Amino acid sequence: MGEIKNRLFIVFVMLAALALATGTPAAAAEGKVNINTAGIEELSLLPRVGDVIAARIVEFREANGAFEATEDLMLVKGIGERTFELMEPHVGLSGETTLAEKVRLPRKTESEDKN
C-alpha cells in the first residue's frame, strides 16, 4: 500500500513539473481599462504597456481630447496593430476601469517562433 502511494506521488510531481515546464498560462486577467479616464498606473496594466507608453496615451488624450474609438490607440507612438490586438479585449471608451492586475501574455515556445 505504501509503495502505491509513493508511485502516485511521484507521478503527481512529474505531471506538475511538466505543466510548469510547458508554460501553462495562469488564468487571464479580467476587466477593462477606460482609456478616456485611466491614469498611467491603470494604463500600465494593459499588455505591452509600461509607464512610457501609458504616459504617451495620457499625453495624446490631453492634446487631442477623448478617444472616439479604441482603434485610435494606434495613433499613439509605440502602439502598432499587433500591440493593439493584444490590448483590445481589455480596453473601453466609457465606464469604470475594472482591470485590477497586469495582463500577462503567454510566452512563445521555440517551435512557435520558427513558424
Protein backbone atom coordinates (compact mmCIF):
# COMPACT_ATOMS: atom_id res chain seq x y z
CA MET A 1 0.00 0.00 0.00
CA GLY A 2 2.83 2.42 0.85
CA GLU A 3 4.57 1.69 -2.43
CA ILE A 4 1.43 2.60 -4.41
CA LYS A 5 1.15 5.93 -2.58
CA ASN A 6 4.81 6.66 -3.33
CA ARG A 7 4.35 5.92 -7.03
CA LEU A 8 1.21 8.05 -7.21
CA PHE A 9 3.06 10.89 -5.50
CA ILE A 10 5.94 10.63 -8.00
CA VAL A 11 3.50 10.64 -10.92
CA PHE A 12 1.76 13.70 -9.47
CA VAL A 13 5.05 15.56 -9.03
CA MET A 14 6.12 14.69 -12.58
CA LEU A 15 2.81 15.96 -14.02
CA ALA A 16 3.09 19.19 -12.04
CA ALA A 17 6.65 19.69 -13.29
CA LEU A 18 5.55 19.04 -16.86
CA ALA A 19 2.76 21.60 -16.57
CA LEU A 20 5.20 24.22 -15.29
CA ALA A 21 7.79 23.40 -17.94
CA THR A 22 5.31 23.78 -20.80
CA GLY A 23 4.40 27.25 -19.64
CA THR A 24 0.76 26.60 -18.96
CA PRO A 25 -0.64 30.12 -18.64
CA ALA A 26 -2.39 31.24 -15.50
CA ALA A 27 -5.95 32.45 -15.65
CA ALA A 28 -6.24 35.52 -17.84
CA ALA A 29 -6.75 38.86 -16.17
CA GLU A 30 -10.31 40.12 -16.45
CA GLY A 31 -11.63 43.63 -16.68
CA LYS A 32 -11.34 46.74 -18.81
CA VAL A 33 -9.36 49.95 -18.76
CA ASN A 34 -11.26 53.09 -19.71
CA ILE A 35 -8.70 54.73 -22.00
CA ASN A 36 -10.50 58.09 -21.70
CA THR A 37 -10.15 58.37 -17.92
CA ALA A 38 -7.38 55.99 -16.81
CA GLY A 39 -4.13 57.30 -15.43
CA ILE A 40 -0.64 55.98 -16.09
CA GLU A 41 -0.84 53.32 -13.38
CA GLU A 42 -4.10 51.87 -14.73
CA LEU A 43 -2.98 52.03 -18.37
CA SER A 44 0.21 50.19 -17.40
CA LEU A 45 -1.91 47.13 -16.57
CA LEU A 46 -2.51 46.58 -20.29
CA PRO A 47 -0.36 44.07 -22.16
CA ARG A 48 2.84 45.52 -23.67
CA VAL A 49 2.21 48.85 -21.94
CA GLY A 50 4.69 50.20 -19.43
CA ASP A 51 4.99 53.63 -17.87
CA VAL A 52 6.40 55.23 -21.04
CA ILE A 53 3.61 54.09 -23.38
CA ALA A 54 1.00 54.80 -20.69
CA ALA A 55 2.32 58.36 -20.37
CA ARG A 56 2.12 58.75 -24.18
CA ILE A 57 -1.53 57.64 -24.10
CA VAL A 58 -2.33 60.24 -21.43
CA GLU A 59 -0.40 62.96 -23.31
CA PHE A 60 -2.17 62.07 -26.58
CA ARG A 61 -5.55 62.20 -24.86
CA GLU A 62 -4.78 65.57 -23.25
CA ALA A 63 -3.61 67.03 -26.60
CA ASN A 64 -6.40 65.58 -28.78
CA GLY A 65 -9.36 65.03 -26.50
CA ALA A 66 -11.13 61.80 -25.65
CA PHE A 67 -10.59 58.76 -27.83
CA GLU A 68 -13.57 58.24 -30.14
CA ALA A 69 -12.69 54.61 -30.96
CA THR A 70 -10.41 52.14 -29.24
CA GLU A 71 -8.54 51.77 -32.56
CA ASP A 72 -7.37 55.38 -32.10
CA LEU A 73 -4.81 53.98 -29.66
CA MET A 74 -2.78 53.09 -32.76
CA LEU A 75 -2.24 56.83 -33.27
CA VAL A 76 -0.09 56.81 -30.12
CA LYS A 77 3.61 56.35 -30.82
CA GLY A 78 4.65 52.82 -29.86
CA ILE A 79 1.27 51.17 -30.37
CA GLY A 80 1.01 49.25 -33.61
CA GLU A 81 -1.53 46.77 -34.93
CA ARG A 82 -0.11 43.76 -33.06
CA THR A 83 0.06 45.58 -29.74
CA PHE A 84 -3.46 46.92 -30.25
CA GLU A 85 -4.77 43.41 -30.98
CA LEU A 86 -3.37 42.25 -27.65
CA MET A 87 -4.81 45.26 -25.81
CA GLU A 88 -8.22 45.37 -27.49
CA PRO A 89 -10.06 42.87 -25.23
CA HIS A 90 -9.01 44.93 -22.22
CA VAL A 91 -9.86 48.49 -23.32
CA GLY A 92 -13.03 50.53 -23.40
CA LEU A 93 -14.15 54.10 -24.02
CA SER A 94 -16.54 54.50 -21.09
CA GLY A 95 -17.41 53.12 -17.70
CA GLU A 96 -15.13 52.38 -14.81
CA THR A 97 -11.71 50.84 -15.10
CA THR A 98 -12.14 47.34 -13.69
CA LEU A 99 -8.84 45.71 -14.65
CA ALA A 100 -7.02 45.15 -11.37
CA GLU A 101 -3.86 43.28 -12.36
CA LYS A 102 -1.28 43.38 -15.15
CA VAL A 103 -2.30 41.35 -18.20
CA ARG A 104 0.42 38.74 -18.70
CA LEU A 105 0.78 37.15 -22.10
CA PRO A 106 1.95 33.56 -22.50
CA ARG A 107 5.48 33.26 -23.85
CA LYS A 108 6.08 31.70 -27.23
CA THR A 109 7.87 28.39 -27.39
CA GLU A 110 10.83 27.86 -29.75
CA SER A 111 8.64 25.89 -32.16
CA GLU A 112 6.14 28.79 -32.33
CA ASP A 113 8.96 31.26 -33.07
CA LYS A 114 10.07 29.17 -36.08
CA ASN A 115 6.60 29.22 -37.67
